Amino acid sequence: MVWIAVVAVLLAGVVALNVAVLRLNVQLSKVNAERTQLRADKQALASQLSLAAATTRIQTLAHRDGLIPADPTQTTYVRLRPRAR
């Protein structure tokens, strides 16, 4: 008679363990779906950033605001001495 109770408790433990594993699998699926969405969002943002930083776009906006490219013959460089340590 005692062995029936032991077997029943063991079976209940196995069922509880299976339920816990199923819950973890559901949570894992949700996290994986969220990770996939975040990766897609990251890729979309990287694409937008690349488009916003495109040289031709910046040149067009600068020209629209009245800016022109610097004349390379009139460009000078200032040499700075290294800082003393």
N, C-alpha and C. Protein backbone atom coordinates (compact mmCIF):
# COMPACT_ATOMS: atom_id res chain seq x y z
N MET A 1 0.80 -1.18 0.00
CA MET A 1 0.00 0.00 0.00
C MET A 1 0.86 1.27 0.00
N VAL A 2 1.96 1.27 0.72
CA VAL A 2 2.83 2.43 0.79
C VAL A 2 3.47 2.68 -0.57
N TRP A 3 3.81 1.63 -1.29
CA TRP A 3 4.47 1.79 -2.57
C TRP A 3 3.56 2.49 -3.57
N ILE A 4 2.25 2.33 -3.43
CA ILE A 4 1.30 3.02 -4.32
C ILE A 4 1.37 4.54 -4.06
N ALA A 5 1.46 4.91 -2.81
CA ALA A 5 1.58 6.33 -2.47
C ALA A 5 2.90 6.89 -2.98
N VAL A 6 3.98 6.11 -2.87
CA VAL A 6 5.29 6.56 -3.35
C VAL A 6 5.26 6.75 -4.87
N VAL A 7 4.67 5.79 -5.58
CA VAL A 7 4.57 5.89 -7.04
C VAL A 7 3.70 7.08 -7.42
N ALA A 8 2.61 7.31 -6.69
CA ALA A 8 1.73 8.45 -6.99
C ALA A 8 2.47 9.77 -6.79
N VAL A 9 3.25 9.88 -5.73
CA VAL A 9 4.02 11.09 -5.47
C VAL A 9 5.07 11.29 -6.56
N LEU A 10 5.75 10.22 -6.96
CA LEU A 10 6.74 10.32 -8.03
C LEU A 10 6.10 10.74 -9.35
N LEU A 11 4.95 10.18 -9.66
CA LEU A 11 4.25 10.57 -10.90
C LEU A 11 3.81 12.03 -10.84
N ALA A 12 3.35 12.46 -9.68
CA ALA A 12 2.96 13.87 -9.53
C ALA A 12 4.19 14.76 -9.72
N GLY A 13 5.33 14.33 -9.22
CA GLY A 13 6.57 15.10 -9.41
C GLY A 13 6.96 15.18 -10.86
N VAL A 14 6.83 14.07 -11.59
CA VAL A 14 7.16 14.06 -13.02
C VAL A 14 6.23 14.99 -13.79
N VAL A 15 4.95 14.96 -13.45
CA VAL A 15 3.99 15.85 -14.12
C VAL A 15 4.32 17.31 -13.81
N ALA A 16 4.63 17.60 -12.56
CA ALA A 16 4.97 18.98 -12.19
C ALA A 16 6.24 19.43 -12.92
N LEU A 17 7.20 18.54 -13.04
CA LEU A 17 8.43 18.87 -13.76
C LEU A 17 8.15 19.14 -15.24
N ASN A 18 7.30 18.32 -15.84
CA ASN A 18 6.94 18.54 -17.26
C ASN A 18 6.22 19.86 -17.46
N VAL A 19 5.35 20.21 -16.54
CA VAL A 19 4.64 21.49 -16.63
C VAL A 19 5.63 22.64 -16.51
N ALA A 20 6.59 22.53 -15.61
CA ALA A 20 7.60 23.58 -15.45
C ALA A 20 8.43 23.72 -16.72
N VAL A 21 8.80 22.60 -17.32
CA VAL A 21 9.59 22.64 -18.56
C VAL A 21 8.77 23.27 -19.68
N LEU A 22 7.50 22.94 -19.78
CA LEU A 22 6.64 23.54 -20.82
C LEU A 22 6.54 25.05 -20.63
N ARG A 23 6.40 25.50 -19.39
CA ARG A 23 6.33 26.95 -19.12
C ARG A 23 7.64 27.64 -19.54
N LEU A 24 8.75 27.00 -19.22
CA LEU A 24 10.04 27.58 -19.62
C LEU A 24 10.17 27.63 -21.14
N ASN A 25 9.69 26.61 -21.83
CA ASN A 25 9.73 26.61 -23.30
C ASN A 25 8.88 27.73 -23.89
N VAL A 26 7.73 27.99 -23.28
CA VAL A 26 6.88 29.09 -23.75
C VAL A 26 7.59 30.42 -23.54
N GLN A 27 8.20 30.59 -22.36
CA GLN A 27 8.94 31.83 -22.11
C GLN A 27 10.11 31.98 -23.07
N LEU A 28 10.80 30.88 -23.33
CA LEU A 28 11.92 30.92 -24.27
C LEU A 28 11.46 31.30 -25.67
N SER A 29 10.32 30.79 -26.08
CA SER A 29 9.79 31.15 -27.40
C SER A 29 9.47 32.63 -27.48
N LYS A 30 8.89 33.17 -26.41
CA LYS A 30 8.57 34.60 -26.38
C LYS A 30 9.85 35.44 -26.44
N VAL A 31 10.86 35.02 -25.69
CA VAL A 31 12.12 35.77 -25.67
C VAL A 31 12.79 35.70 -27.05
N ASN A 32 12.75 34.54 -27.68
CA ASN A 32 13.34 34.41 -29.02
C ASN A 32 12.60 35.28 -30.03
N ALA A 33 11.28 35.34 -29.93
CA ALA A 33 10.51 36.19 -30.84
C ALA A 33 10.86 37.66 -30.61
N GLU A 34 11.01 38.05 -29.34
CA GLU A 34 11.37 39.43 -29.03
C GLU A 34 12.77 39.74 -29.54
N ARG A 35 13.69 38.79 -29.39
CA ARG A 35 15.06 39.00 -29.88
C ARG A 35 15.07 39.17 -31.40
N THR A 36 14.28 38.36 -32.09
CA THR A 36 14.19 38.47 -33.54
C THR A 36 13.65 39.84 -33.94
N GLN A 37 12.63 40.31 -33.23
CA GLN A 37 12.05 41.63 -33.52
C GLN A 37 13.06 42.73 -33.24
N LEU A 38 13.79 42.61 -32.15
CA LEU A 38 14.80 43.63 -31.82
C LEU A 38 15.92 43.66 -32.87
N ARG A 39 16.30 42.51 -33.36
CA ARG A 39 17.33 42.47 -34.41
C ARG A 39 16.82 43.14 -35.68
N ALA A 40 15.55 42.90 -36.02
CA ALA A 40 14.97 43.53 -37.20
C ALA A 40 14.90 45.05 -37.01
N ASP A 41 14.51 45.48 -35.81
CA ASP A 41 14.46 46.91 -35.51
C ASP A 41 15.85 47.54 -35.60
N LYS A 42 16.85 46.83 -35.08
CA LYS A 42 18.22 47.32 -35.12
C LYS A 42 18.69 47.47 -36.57
N GLN A 43 18.36 46.50 -37.40
CA GLN A 43 18.76 46.56 -38.80
C GLN A 43 18.07 47.73 -39.52
N ALA A 44 16.80 47.95 -39.20
CA ALA A 44 16.07 49.07 -39.80
C ALA A 44 16.68 50.41 -39.37
N LEU A 45 17.03 50.51 -38.10
CA LEU A 45 17.65 51.75 -37.62
C LEU A 45 19.02 51.97 -38.23
N ALA A 46 19.78 50.89 -38.40
CA ALA A 46 21.10 51.02 -39.04
C ALA A 46 20.94 51.49 -40.48
N SER A 47 19.92 51.00 -41.15
CA SER A 47 19.67 51.42 -42.53
C SER A 47 19.29 52.90 -42.57
N GLN A 48 18.44 53.32 -41.64
CA GLN A 48 18.05 54.74 -41.59
C GLN A 48 19.26 55.62 -41.29
N LEU A 49 20.11 55.17 -40.39
CA LEU A 49 21.31 55.94 -40.04
C LEU A 49 22.24 56.05 -41.24
N SER A 50 22.39 54.96 -41.96
CA SER A 50 23.25 54.98 -43.15
C SER A 50 22.70 55.94 -44.20
N LEU A 51 21.40 55.91 -44.37
CA LEU A 51 20.78 56.81 -45.34
C LEU A 51 20.93 58.27 -44.91
N ALA A 52 20.77 58.53 -43.61
CA ALA A 52 20.87 59.90 -43.11
C ALA A 52 22.30 60.43 -43.20
N ALA A 53 23.27 59.53 -43.14
CA ALA A 53 24.67 59.96 -43.16
C ALA A 53 25.27 59.91 -44.57
N ALA A 54 24.46 59.63 -45.57
CA ALA A 54 24.96 59.54 -46.93
C ALA A 54 25.55 60.88 -47.38
N THR A 55 26.70 60.83 -48.02
CA THR A 55 27.41 62.04 -48.43
C THR A 55 26.58 62.91 -49.36
N THR A 56 25.92 62.29 -50.33
CA THR A 56 25.13 63.09 -51.28
C THR A 56 23.98 63.79 -50.58
N ARG A 57 23.37 63.14 -49.61
CA ARG A 57 22.27 63.78 -48.88
C ARG A 57 22.80 64.99 -48.10
N ILE A 58 23.92 64.81 -47.43
CA ILE A 58 24.51 65.91 -46.65
C ILE A 58 24.91 67.05 -47.56
N GLN A 59 25.49 66.73 -48.72
CA GLN A 59 25.88 67.78 -49.66
C GLN A 59 24.65 68.53 -50.17
N THR A 60 23.58 67.82 -50.45
CA THR A 60 22.35 68.45 -50.92
C THR A 60 21.79 69.39 -49.86
N LEU A 61 21.76 68.92 -48.62
CA LEU A 61 21.24 69.77 -47.54
C LEU A 61 22.14 70.98 -47.32
N ALA A 62 23.44 70.80 -47.39
CA ALA A 62 24.37 71.92 -47.21
C ALA A 62 24.20 72.93 -48.34
N HIS A 63 24.08 72.45 -49.57
CA HIS A 63 23.88 73.35 -50.71
C HIS A 63 22.57 74.12 -50.57
N ARG A 64 21.54 73.45 -50.10
CA ARG A 64 20.25 74.11 -49.89
C ARG A 64 20.35 75.23 -48.86
N ASP A 65 21.22 75.05 -47.88
CA ASP A 65 21.41 76.06 -46.84
C ASP A 65 22.44 77.12 -47.23
N GLY A 66 22.93 77.06 -48.46
CA GLY A 66 23.85 78.08 -48.94
C GLY A 66 25.31 77.77 -48.71
N LEU A 67 25.64 76.58 -48.30
CA LEU A 67 27.04 76.22 -48.09
C LEU A 67 27.63 75.68 -49.39
N ILE A 68 28.90 75.94 -49.59
CA ILE A 68 29.57 75.43 -50.78
C ILE A 68 30.84 74.71 -50.35
N PRO A 69 31.33 73.80 -51.18
CA PRO A 69 32.58 73.10 -50.82
C PRO A 69 33.75 74.08 -50.77
N ALA A 70 34.68 73.81 -49.89
CA ALA A 70 35.86 74.67 -49.77
C ALA A 70 36.76 74.49 -50.98
N ASP A 71 37.39 75.58 -51.40
CA ASP A 71 38.32 75.53 -52.52
C ASP A 71 39.61 74.88 -52.02
N PRO A 72 40.01 73.74 -52.60
CA PRO A 72 41.20 73.05 -52.10
C PRO A 72 42.47 73.88 -52.21
N THR A 73 42.52 74.83 -53.16
CA THR A 73 43.73 75.64 -53.31
C THR A 73 43.85 76.68 -52.20
N GLN A 74 42.76 76.96 -51.53
CA GLN A 74 42.80 77.96 -50.47
C GLN A 74 42.66 77.32 -49.08
N THR A 75 42.79 76.03 -49.03
CA THR A 75 42.70 75.34 -47.75
C THR A 75 44.08 75.27 -47.12
N THR A 76 44.17 75.67 -45.89
CA THR A 76 45.44 75.61 -45.17
C THR A 76 45.26 74.77 -43.91
N TYR A 77 46.37 74.28 -43.43
CA TYR A 77 46.35 73.46 -42.23
C TYR A 77 47.16 74.15 -41.15
N VAL A 78 46.72 74.04 -39.96
CA VAL A 78 47.42 74.61 -38.82
C VAL A 78 48.12 73.46 -38.11
N ARG A 79 49.42 73.55 -37.98
CA ARG A 79 50.18 72.51 -37.29
C ARG A 79 50.30 72.91 -35.82
N LEU A 80 49.88 72.04 -34.99
CA LEU A 80 49.97 72.28 -33.56
C LEU A 80 51.13 71.50 -32.97
N ARG A 81 51.82 72.14 -32.05
CA ARG A 81 52.93 71.45 -31.40
C ARG A 81 52.34 70.41 -30.42
N PRO A 82 53.03 69.31 -30.26
CA PRO A 82 52.54 68.33 -29.29
C PRO A 82 52.53 68.93 -27.89
N ARG A 83 51.57 68.55 -27.14
CA ARG A 83 51.47 69.08 -25.76
C ARG A 83 52.61 68.53 -24.93
N ALA A 84 53.11 69.37 -24.05
CA ALA A 84 54.17 68.95 -23.13
C ALA A 84 53.53 68.10 -22.04
N ARG A 85 54.23 67.05 -21.66
CA ARG A 85 53.68 66.16 -20.62
C ARG A 85 54.21 66.47 -19.28
